[in-house]
Amino acid sequence: MSIMHDQNFPQSEGSPGMTRRETLRRMLGLCCGAAVLSGRDQMQLLAEGSKQNSAPANSLQSQIIESTLSPDDDALLDQIERANFLFFWEQGHPQTGLIKDRCNTRVTDTSIVASIASTGFGLTAICIAEKRGFVSHAEARLRVIQTLSSLWHRLPTHRGFYYHFANLTTGERIWDAEASSVDTAILLCGVLMCKAHFKDADIRQLAKAIYDRVDWSWLSEDTTILPMGWTPELGFLASRWDDYSELMMIYLLGLGSLTHPLHSDAWTAWKRTLFEYDGLRYIGSYAPLFVNQYSQAWFDFRDKRDHYADYFENSILATEAHRRFCVDMNTRFPDYSNALWGITASDSIHGYTVWGGPPATGPIDGTIVPCAAAGSLPFLPAETMRVLRTIHDHYPQAWSRYGFVDAFNPLTGWFDTDVIGIDTGITMLMAENVRTGFVWSTFMRNEEAVRGMQKAGFETYYRAPYSKPA
């Protein structure tokens, strides 16, 4: 099996003008190492999947995923969730409710950069924490009210879309940030989570107003392929959401709107490219592992499919392909094994880096990114728990007050000092989902989410228990 590695990929050097999304856009198409099926083969397989009411077929035998967590597993996930919540609570501003984009865990962090995506994850984290008793109902409600009030009254928007980065204390746009479609979507998922979880008229009214204000029809005025963002200086960004990725949450939220909805044709407009690795066939893209996680942190795709696929099973396949991809690199990076794997966009010794695979993306150097496994907990519970246990038990420097640091490299002895809000967030949400399904069951009580999936053509269907290729 050929695994390619290229040291010449561009990467962020931490410049304030380079957002994570811009870094990812620079990486797209500069990848190698996995087969992409021909257009004819893709159409045939997707058609077969539609007829059979199953995801793209795999020739390998399957076995039932053992998803029952042991008491020790549950205890570790509880420890992780408690630590993750502290980040969102302590690094959130008590008046604006905005949450820092990242935080240095080894010193007193004085940064003032908040991100709306981190805030969206944080709103969901507060719901989890209130349910589990990490914080009182009164404290949780107050913080949510303050956050939603700031989002409605204080933060600048354009057609309801929020700017990616904001000043933590004032809410003002910083770094010439774009009004971001995906980061607004992540924020809205958190807003709607609070609307469903708290039986509170004030929260419901604010959440509904924030969601209803977003003008999805403006975003899609001359295209069914949505742009990634807009700036006052440049207008719409050239990059578009045209390939399978975390885009599903954007389209579903837009389809669910009653005030400014997307046309249903938008759901079928983006590409679903079929990849193949080690006999596994799945819908994928030239992007890190997190693209298989983010939409599924809130939207419950289990036992549902649209005309093309069962996306939950697709994420199982994509995650298993990633696990095998990492293990296959063991001869070059001996830290990678069945007990320690997982690469996704993260910090590195050289700065924020977009890497992963298959296909091989970025200057892979043996770094481990804990949220790669943690964000995949519902897809491969046993395999991902093994990774989290290994990190927790054997790499104490990878642990901090807020849970796992963003990344570390066992081969060089480098350990990050920071946690990043979106990576801490996907860890906490997926830990809770694999334990109880709480985020899924709560979020899907929103009529907006149900309506979006219905308009996209999702139907519930009977299938055997989800399985992992043998």
Protein backbone atom coordinates (compact mmCIF):
# COMPACT_ATOMS: atom_id res chain seq x y z
CA MET A 1 0.00 0.00 0.00
CA SER A 2 1.42 3.35 -1.00
CA ILE A 3 1.37 6.08 1.62
CA MET A 4 2.56 9.43 0.34
CA HIS A 5 4.18 12.12 2.44
CA ASP A 6 4.96 15.61 1.18
CA GLN A 7 6.94 18.13 3.22
CA ASN A 8 6.01 21.00 0.90
CA PHE A 9 2.42 21.57 1.91
CA PRO A 10 1.60 25.13 3.04
CA GLN A 11 0.73 25.58 6.68
CA SER A 12 -0.29 28.39 8.97
CA GLU A 13 2.46 30.18 10.84
CA GLY A 14 -0.01 31.66 13.30
CA SER A 15 -0.66 34.85 11.34
CA PRO A 16 -3.79 36.63 12.60
CA GLY A 17 -4.82 37.15 8.97
CA MET A 18 -4.94 33.41 8.22
CA THR A 19 -8.04 31.72 9.58
CA ARG A 20 -8.29 27.97 9.98
CA ARG A 21 -10.76 27.83 7.12
CA GLU A 22 -8.40 29.74 4.82
CA THR A 23 -5.60 27.36 5.72
CA LEU A 24 -7.82 24.41 4.85
CA ARG A 25 -8.77 25.96 1.52
CA ARG A 26 -5.09 26.27 0.64
CA MET A 27 -4.67 22.57 1.35
CA LEU A 28 -7.52 21.27 -0.78
CA GLY A 29 -6.41 19.34 -3.80
CA LEU A 30 -2.80 19.03 -2.59
CA CYS A 31 -3.21 15.50 -1.33
CA CYS A 32 -2.28 11.98 -2.31
CA GLY A 33 -2.40 8.40 -1.09
CA ALA A 34 -5.96 7.09 -1.56
CA ALA A 35 -7.86 6.12 -4.67
CA VAL A 36 -10.69 8.32 -5.91
CA LEU A 37 -13.21 6.31 -7.91
CA SER A 38 -14.04 7.34 -11.44
CA GLY A 39 -17.22 9.30 -12.11
CA ARG A 40 -18.89 6.28 -13.69
CA ASP A 41 -18.00 4.01 -10.75
CA GLN A 42 -19.23 6.64 -8.29
CA MET A 43 -22.59 7.02 -9.98
CA GLN A 44 -23.06 3.27 -10.14
CA LEU A 45 -22.19 2.72 -6.47
CA LEU A 46 -24.33 5.60 -5.24
CA ALA A 47 -27.25 4.31 -7.30
CA GLU A 48 -26.77 0.82 -5.88
CA GLY A 49 -26.66 2.24 -2.36
CA SER A 50 -29.92 4.09 -2.94
CA LYS A 51 -31.66 0.96 -4.22
CA GLN A 52 -30.41 -1.17 -1.33
CA ASN A 53 -31.11 1.45 1.36
CA SER A 54 -27.54 1.17 2.54
CA ALA A 55 -24.32 3.17 2.33
CA PRO A 56 -21.85 2.46 -0.50
CA ALA A 57 -21.16 -1.25 -0.34
CA ASN A 58 -18.01 -2.81 1.11
CA SER A 59 -16.80 -6.22 0.07
CA LEU A 60 -15.36 -7.07 3.49
CA GLN A 61 -17.24 -9.01 6.13
CA SER A 62 -18.59 -6.89 9.00
CA GLN A 63 -18.87 -7.37 12.70
CA ILE A 64 -21.16 -5.73 15.23
CA ILE A 65 -19.68 -2.72 16.99
CA GLU A 66 -19.51 -3.32 20.71
CA SER A 67 -20.62 0.07 21.88
CA THR A 68 -21.21 -0.71 25.55
CA LEU A 69 -18.78 1.30 27.64
CA SER A 70 -17.13 -0.29 30.65
CA PRO A 71 -17.36 1.49 34.02
CA ASP A 72 -13.72 2.51 33.59
CA ASP A 73 -14.46 3.91 30.14
CA ASP A 74 -17.40 5.90 31.47
CA ALA A 75 -15.31 7.24 34.34
CA LEU A 76 -12.60 8.44 31.96
CA LEU A 77 -15.12 10.12 29.69
CA ASP A 78 -16.69 11.79 32.71
CA GLN A 79 -13.28 13.12 33.73
CA ILE A 80 -12.70 14.41 30.21
CA GLU A 81 -16.11 16.08 30.01
CA ARG A 82 -15.69 17.80 33.38
CA ALA A 83 -12.32 19.18 32.31
CA ASN A 84 -13.62 20.24 28.89
CA PHE A 85 -16.51 22.09 30.48
CA LEU A 86 -14.12 24.11 32.65
CA PHE A 87 -12.60 25.57 29.49
CA PHE A 88 -15.95 26.77 28.18
CA TRP A 89 -17.00 28.09 31.58
CA GLU A 90 -13.77 29.73 32.73
CA GLN A 91 -12.67 31.04 29.33
CA GLY A 92 -16.09 32.43 28.52
CA HIS A 93 -16.65 36.10 29.27
CA PRO A 94 -19.20 36.45 32.07
CA GLN A 95 -20.93 39.44 30.43
CA THR A 96 -20.78 38.77 26.68
CA GLY A 97 -20.81 34.98 27.01
CA LEU A 98 -18.31 34.75 24.15
CA ILE A 99 -15.69 32.02 24.51
CA LYS A 100 -12.03 32.20 23.59
CA ASP A 101 -10.86 30.62 20.39
CA ARG A 102 -7.95 29.01 22.26
CA CYS A 103 -6.22 29.14 25.62
CA ASN A 104 -2.70 28.51 26.90
CA THR A 105 -3.16 26.04 29.74
CA ARG A 106 0.31 26.46 31.26
CA VAL A 107 0.18 30.18 32.05
CA THR A 108 -2.47 32.76 32.83
CA ASP A 109 -4.04 33.33 29.43
CA THR A 110 -4.78 36.99 28.62
CA SER A 111 -5.89 36.64 25.00
CA ILE A 112 -9.06 38.45 23.96
CA VAL A 113 -9.86 36.56 20.75
CA ALA A 114 -13.20 34.78 20.85
CA SER A 115 -14.64 32.65 18.08
CA ILE A 116 -18.31 32.12 17.35
CA ALA A 117 -17.68 28.43 16.67
CA SER A 118 -16.12 27.99 20.10
CA THR A 119 -19.14 29.80 21.53
CA GLY A 120 -21.51 27.43 19.73
CA PHE A 121 -19.73 24.42 21.18
CA GLY A 122 -19.71 26.16 24.56
CA LEU A 123 -23.47 26.72 24.60
CA THR A 124 -23.91 23.00 24.00
CA ALA A 125 -21.33 22.24 26.70
CA ILE A 126 -23.37 24.26 29.18
CA CYS A 127 -26.44 22.15 28.40
CA ILE A 128 -24.44 18.97 29.03
CA ALA A 129 -22.96 20.38 32.22
CA GLU A 130 -26.35 21.47 33.57
CA LYS A 131 -27.77 18.02 32.86
CA ARG A 132 -24.85 16.31 34.62
CA GLY A 133 -24.76 18.69 37.58
CA PHE A 134 -21.37 20.23 36.78
CA VAL A 135 -23.07 23.62 37.16
CA SER A 136 -26.33 24.70 38.74
CA HIS A 137 -29.42 25.35 36.67
CA ALA A 138 -29.49 29.01 37.76
CA GLU A 139 -25.85 29.60 36.78
CA ALA A 140 -26.27 27.81 33.46
CA ARG A 141 -29.44 29.70 32.59
CA LEU A 142 -27.87 33.05 33.42
CA ARG A 143 -24.82 32.41 31.26
CA VAL A 144 -26.98 31.26 28.36
CA ILE A 145 -29.26 34.30 28.64
CA GLN A 146 -26.23 36.61 28.70
CA THR A 147 -24.72 34.91 25.68
CA LEU A 148 -27.90 34.92 23.60
CA SER A 149 -28.60 38.52 24.55
CA SER A 150 -25.12 39.55 23.38
CA LEU A 151 -25.57 37.62 20.15
CA TRP A 152 -28.88 39.32 19.48
CA HIS A 153 -28.17 42.87 20.67
CA ARG A 154 -24.41 43.41 20.60
CA LEU A 155 -22.46 41.37 18.06
CA PRO A 156 -22.30 42.74 14.51
CA THR A 157 -23.76 40.53 11.79
CA HIS A 158 -24.37 40.68 8.07
CA ARG A 159 -27.72 39.29 6.99
CA GLY A 160 -27.72 37.38 10.27
CA PHE A 161 -24.31 35.76 9.70
CA TYR A 162 -21.71 36.28 12.40
CA TYR A 163 -18.07 37.20 11.96
CA HIS A 164 -15.69 34.32 12.62
CA PHE A 165 -13.60 36.08 15.30
CA ALA A 166 -14.69 38.70 17.81
CA ASN A 167 -13.30 40.67 20.72
CA LEU A 168 -14.04 38.67 23.85
CA THR A 169 -15.17 41.67 25.90
CA THR A 170 -16.86 43.89 23.31
CA GLY A 171 -18.02 41.49 20.60
CA GLU A 172 -16.47 43.65 17.89
CA ARG A 173 -15.16 42.03 14.70
CA ILE A 174 -11.39 41.53 14.70
CA TRP A 175 -8.70 40.41 12.22
CA ASP A 176 -10.85 41.43 9.23
CA ALA A 177 -12.70 38.19 9.90
CA GLU A 178 -15.26 36.94 7.41
CA ALA A 179 -18.95 36.58 8.10
CA SER A 180 -18.65 32.81 8.12
CA SER A 181 -21.32 30.40 6.95
CA VAL A 182 -19.89 27.35 8.74
CA ASP A 183 -18.98 29.12 11.97
CA THR A 184 -22.41 30.71 12.08
CA ALA A 185 -23.86 27.23 11.59
CA ILE A 186 -21.88 25.85 14.54
CA LEU A 187 -23.04 28.79 16.65
CA LEU A 188 -26.66 28.21 15.61
CA CYS A 189 -26.41 24.56 16.59
CA GLY A 190 -25.44 25.68 20.08
CA VAL A 191 -28.21 28.27 20.14
CA LEU A 192 -30.83 25.72 19.09
CA MET A 193 -29.46 23.21 21.61
CA CYS A 194 -30.18 25.71 24.39
CA LYS A 195 -33.62 26.39 22.96
CA ALA A 196 -34.48 22.70 23.18
CA HIS A 197 -32.80 21.94 26.51
CA PHE A 198 -33.97 24.83 28.69
CA LYS A 199 -37.70 25.05 29.21
CA ASP A 200 -37.43 28.82 29.35
CA ALA A 201 -39.47 31.40 27.43
CA ASP A 202 -36.67 34.00 27.38
CA ILE A 203 -34.12 31.54 25.99
CA ARG A 204 -36.59 30.25 23.43
CA GLN A 205 -37.49 33.75 22.24
CA LEU A 206 -33.87 34.86 21.86
CA ALA A 207 -32.77 31.61 20.20
CA LYS A 208 -35.61 31.73 17.71
CA ALA A 209 -34.90 35.36 16.85
CA ILE A 210 -31.19 34.65 16.26
CA TYR A 211 -31.95 31.69 14.00
CA ASP A 212 -34.78 33.36 12.10
CA ARG A 213 -32.62 36.41 11.32
CA VAL A 214 -30.14 34.42 9.22
CA ASP A 215 -30.80 35.13 5.55
CA TRP A 216 -29.96 31.85 3.81
CA SER A 217 -31.68 33.03 0.64
CA TRP A 218 -29.17 35.90 0.37
CA LEU A 219 -26.29 33.43 0.73
CA SER A 220 -27.73 31.36 -2.13
CA GLU A 221 -29.10 34.23 -4.20
CA ASP A 222 -27.24 33.32 -7.40
CA THR A 223 -26.01 29.80 -6.60
CA THR A 224 -27.03 26.54 -4.99
CA ILE A 225 -23.36 26.03 -3.97
CA LEU A 226 -23.00 28.19 -0.88
CA PRO A 227 -20.01 30.51 -0.39
CA MET A 228 -17.83 30.01 2.67
CA GLY A 229 -18.21 33.60 3.77
CA TRP A 230 -18.43 37.31 3.04
CA THR A 231 -16.43 40.38 4.03
CA PRO A 232 -17.29 44.08 3.76
CA GLU A 233 -14.02 44.60 1.93
CA LEU A 234 -14.24 41.84 -0.69
CA GLY A 235 -17.82 40.64 -0.80
CA PHE A 236 -18.38 36.89 -1.11
CA LEU A 237 -15.33 34.69 -0.75
CA ALA A 238 -14.42 32.75 -3.87
CA SER A 239 -14.32 29.42 -2.02
CA ARG A 240 -17.59 27.50 -1.95
CA TRP A 241 -19.07 24.58 -0.08
CA ASP A 242 -19.08 22.25 -3.05
CA ASP A 243 -17.75 18.94 -1.68
CA TYR A 244 -18.68 16.61 1.19
CA SER A 245 -17.48 18.05 4.49
CA GLU A 246 -18.88 19.72 7.59
CA LEU A 247 -21.11 21.58 5.12
CA MET A 248 -24.07 19.32 5.93
CA MET A 249 -24.99 21.37 9.01
CA ILE A 250 -25.00 24.58 6.94
CA TYR A 251 -27.35 23.21 4.31
CA LEU A 252 -29.65 21.49 6.81
CA LEU A 253 -30.01 24.61 8.96
CA GLY A 254 -30.74 26.66 5.84
CA LEU A 255 -33.32 24.17 4.62
CA GLY A 256 -35.02 24.23 8.01
CA SER A 257 -35.60 27.98 8.02
CA LEU A 258 -39.11 29.35 7.59
CA THR A 259 -38.05 33.00 7.24
CA HIS A 260 -35.24 32.84 4.64
CA PRO A 261 -34.92 29.21 3.55
CA LEU A 262 -32.56 27.56 1.11
CA HIS A 263 -34.17 25.92 -1.90
CA SER A 264 -34.25 22.13 -1.57
CA ASP A 265 -32.09 21.85 -4.70
CA ALA A 266 -29.15 23.07 -2.63
CA TRP A 267 -28.87 19.71 -0.87
CA THR A 268 -28.23 17.85 -4.11
CA ALA A 269 -25.84 20.46 -5.55
CA TRP A 270 -22.67 19.54 -3.65
CA LYS A 271 -20.40 16.68 -4.69
CA ARG A 272 -20.26 13.32 -2.95
CA THR A 273 -16.94 11.93 -4.14
CA LEU A 274 -16.28 8.26 -3.43
CA PHE A 275 -12.88 7.31 -2.03
CA GLU A 276 -11.41 3.87 -1.54
CA TYR A 277 -8.73 2.82 0.96
CA ASP A 278 -7.76 -0.71 1.94
CA GLY A 279 -11.00 -2.06 0.48
CA LEU A 280 -13.20 0.53 2.23
CA ARG A 281 -15.40 2.71 0.06
CA TYR A 282 -16.92 5.89 1.47
CA ILE A 283 -17.92 9.42 0.57
CA GLY A 284 -15.04 11.70 1.44
CA SER A 285 -13.02 14.76 0.50
CA TYR A 286 -9.48 16.08 0.55
CA ALA A 287 -9.85 17.31 4.10
CA PRO A 288 -9.05 16.33 7.71
CA LEU A 289 -11.02 13.84 9.79
CA PHE A 290 -13.14 16.48 11.52
CA VAL A 291 -15.30 16.88 8.40
CA ASN A 292 -16.88 13.53 9.31
CA GLN A 293 -17.64 14.68 12.85
CA TYR A 294 -18.95 18.23 13.16
CA SER A 295 -22.41 17.97 11.61
CA GLN A 296 -22.94 14.67 13.40
CA ALA A 297 -22.25 16.19 16.80
CA TRP A 298 -25.77 17.69 16.71
CA PHE A 299 -27.77 16.21 13.83
CA ASP A 300 -28.68 12.58 14.45
CA PHE A 301 -28.02 10.69 11.22
CA ARG A 302 -28.41 7.23 12.74
CA ASP A 303 -30.86 4.95 10.90
CA LYS A 304 -31.52 7.67 8.33
CA ARG A 305 -30.47 8.14 4.76
CA ASP A 306 -31.06 10.50 1.90
CA HIS A 307 -30.95 9.54 -1.78
CA TYR A 308 -27.19 8.99 -1.55
CA ALA A 309 -26.07 7.47 1.74
CA ASP A 310 -26.39 6.69 5.39
CA TYR A 311 -23.94 9.33 6.59
CA PHE A 312 -23.52 7.84 10.05
CA GLU A 313 -22.31 4.58 8.55
CA ASN A 314 -20.24 6.61 6.11
CA SER A 315 -18.44 8.22 9.06
CA ILE A 316 -17.79 4.78 10.52
CA LEU A 317 -16.10 3.79 7.27
CA ALA A 318 -14.16 7.04 6.93
CA THR A 319 -12.93 6.77 10.52
CA GLU A 320 -11.88 3.17 10.10
CA ALA A 321 -10.03 4.12 6.91
CA HIS A 322 -8.24 6.86 8.85
CA ARG A 323 -7.31 4.46 11.65
CA ARG A 324 -5.83 1.99 9.16
CA PHE A 325 -4.07 4.83 7.35
CA CYS A 326 -2.35 5.87 10.58
CA VAL A 327 -1.38 2.31 11.54
CA ASP A 328 -0.01 1.74 8.05
CA MET A 329 2.47 4.56 8.67
CA ASN A 330 3.99 2.76 11.66
CA THR A 331 7.21 1.96 9.83
CA ARG A 332 7.86 5.68 9.37
CA PHE A 333 6.28 6.92 12.59
CA PRO A 334 6.57 4.14 15.18
CA ASP A 335 4.31 5.92 17.67
CA TYR A 336 1.32 5.21 15.42
CA SER A 337 -0.37 1.93 16.36
CA ASN A 338 -3.77 0.45 17.15
CA ALA A 339 -3.41 2.02 20.59
CA LEU A 340 -2.32 5.47 19.42
CA TRP A 341 -3.61 7.05 16.21
CA GLY A 342 -5.50 10.10 15.01
CA ILE A 343 -4.57 13.16 12.95
CA THR A 344 -6.78 16.11 12.11
CA ALA A 345 -6.33 19.87 11.71
CA SER A 346 -4.52 21.03 14.84
CA ASP A 347 -1.58 22.79 16.37
CA SER A 348 1.88 21.46 15.59
CA ILE A 349 5.38 22.39 16.60
CA HIS A 350 5.40 24.68 13.55
CA GLY A 351 1.99 26.30 14.09
CA TYR A 352 -1.57 25.47 13.13
CA THR A 353 -1.47 22.74 10.49
CA VAL A 354 -4.02 21.00 8.28
CA TRP A 355 -3.13 17.33 8.03
CA GLY A 356 -4.65 13.89 8.00
CA GLY A 357 -5.76 11.27 5.52
CA PRO A 358 -6.34 9.22 3.57
CA PRO A 359 -5.37 10.66 1.21
CA ALA A 360 -2.21 11.88 2.93
CA THR A 361 -2.55 15.58 3.66
CA GLY A 362 0.05 17.91 5.10
CA PRO A 363 3.51 17.43 6.65
CA ILE A 364 2.66 14.42 8.81
CA ASP A 365 5.43 13.90 11.39
CA GLY A 366 4.07 11.50 14.00
CA THR A 367 1.98 14.07 15.87
CA ILE A 368 -1.11 12.79 17.72
CA VAL A 369 -4.26 14.93 17.87
CA PRO A 370 -6.50 13.65 20.71
CA CYS A 371 -9.72 15.13 19.30
CA ALA A 372 -9.32 13.01 16.15
CA ALA A 373 -10.14 9.91 18.17
CA ALA A 374 -12.38 11.66 20.71
CA GLY A 375 -14.51 13.26 18.01
CA SER A 376 -15.00 9.80 16.50
CA LEU A 377 -16.18 8.09 19.69
CA PRO A 378 -19.71 7.25 18.43
CA PHE A 379 -18.32 5.74 15.23
CA LEU A 380 -15.63 3.41 16.65
CA PRO A 381 -16.20 3.31 20.41
CA ALA A 382 -13.77 0.55 21.35
CA GLU A 383 -10.95 1.72 19.09
CA THR A 384 -11.20 5.36 20.10
CA MET A 385 -11.48 4.58 23.81
CA ARG A 386 -8.26 2.61 23.53
CA VAL A 387 -6.52 5.70 22.13
CA LEU A 388 -7.89 8.02 24.83
CA ARG A 389 -6.88 5.55 27.54
CA THR A 390 -3.37 5.31 26.10
CA ILE A 391 -2.94 9.08 26.03
CA HIS A 392 -4.36 9.53 29.51
CA ASP A 393 -2.34 6.75 31.11
CA HIS A 394 0.99 7.09 29.32
CA TYR A 395 1.35 10.75 28.36
CA PRO A 396 0.63 12.87 31.46
CA GLN A 397 2.06 15.98 29.76
CA ALA A 398 -0.79 15.76 27.27
CA TRP A 399 -3.30 16.44 30.06
CA SER A 400 -4.26 19.88 31.38
CA ARG A 401 -6.90 21.56 33.50
CA TYR A 402 -9.12 21.63 30.42
CA GLY A 403 -8.51 18.08 29.26
CA PHE A 404 -6.12 16.96 26.55
CA VAL A 405 -3.89 19.61 24.98
CA ASP A 406 -4.55 20.11 21.30
CA ALA A 407 -1.69 17.95 20.04
CA PHE A 408 1.61 16.30 20.98
CA ASN A 409 4.39 14.35 19.34
CA PRO A 410 5.71 11.31 21.24
CA LEU A 411 8.65 10.99 18.81
CA THR A 412 10.06 14.45 19.48
CA GLY A 413 8.76 15.08 22.99
CA TRP A 414 6.81 18.15 21.89
CA PHE A 415 3.59 18.86 23.81
CA ASP A 416 1.26 21.71 22.96
CA THR A 417 0.53 24.28 25.63
CA ASP A 418 -2.88 25.19 24.22
CA VAL A 419 -6.37 23.86 23.94
CA ILE A 420 -8.56 25.00 21.03
CA GLY A 421 -12.27 25.58 21.55
CA ILE A 422 -13.58 23.64 18.57
CA ASP A 423 -11.35 20.65 19.31
CA THR A 424 -12.26 20.65 23.00
CA GLY A 425 -15.88 21.04 21.95
CA ILE A 426 -16.06 18.11 19.55
CA THR A 427 -14.40 15.99 22.24
CA MET A 428 -16.98 16.87 24.89
CA LEU A 429 -20.02 16.57 22.62
CA MET A 430 -19.07 13.22 21.15
CA ALA A 431 -18.12 11.86 24.57
CA GLU A 432 -21.63 12.70 25.76
CA ASN A 433 -23.23 11.29 22.62
CA VAL A 434 -21.47 7.94 22.94
CA ARG A 435 -22.46 7.79 26.62
CA THR A 436 -26.11 8.84 26.41
CA GLY A 437 -26.96 10.34 23.00
CA PHE A 438 -28.05 13.45 24.92
CA VAL A 439 -26.94 16.04 22.38
CA TRP A 440 -28.60 14.16 19.52
CA SER A 441 -31.89 13.56 21.33
CA THR A 442 -32.10 17.13 22.61
CA PHE A 443 -31.08 18.92 19.44
CA MET A 444 -33.44 16.85 17.30
CA ARG A 445 -36.38 18.17 19.33
CA ASN A 446 -35.96 21.39 17.35
CA GLU A 447 -38.50 21.63 14.57
CA GLU A 448 -35.88 23.49 12.54
CA ALA A 449 -33.57 20.46 12.55
CA VAL A 450 -36.36 18.00 11.75
CA ARG A 451 -37.66 20.19 8.93
CA GLY A 452 -34.18 20.58 7.44
CA MET A 453 -33.62 16.84 7.28
CA GLN A 454 -37.08 16.24 5.85
CA LYS A 455 -36.55 18.82 3.09
CA ALA A 456 -33.19 17.20 2.29
CA GLY A 457 -35.03 13.94 1.69
CA PHE A 458 -33.92 11.96 4.74
CA GLU A 459 -36.01 8.95 5.64
CA THR A 460 -35.79 6.54 8.53
CA TYR A 461 -35.15 2.99 7.43
CA TYR A 462 -34.65 -0.39 9.01
CA ARG A 463 -31.13 -1.74 8.96
CA ALA A 464 -28.97 -4.15 10.88
CA PRO A 465 -26.98 -2.71 13.79
CA TYR A 466 -24.14 -0.47 12.66
CA SER A 467 -21.07 -2.48 11.88
CA LYS A 468 -17.35 -2.04 11.51
CA PRO A 469 -15.46 -3.71 8.67
CA ALA A 470 -13.54 -6.73 9.93
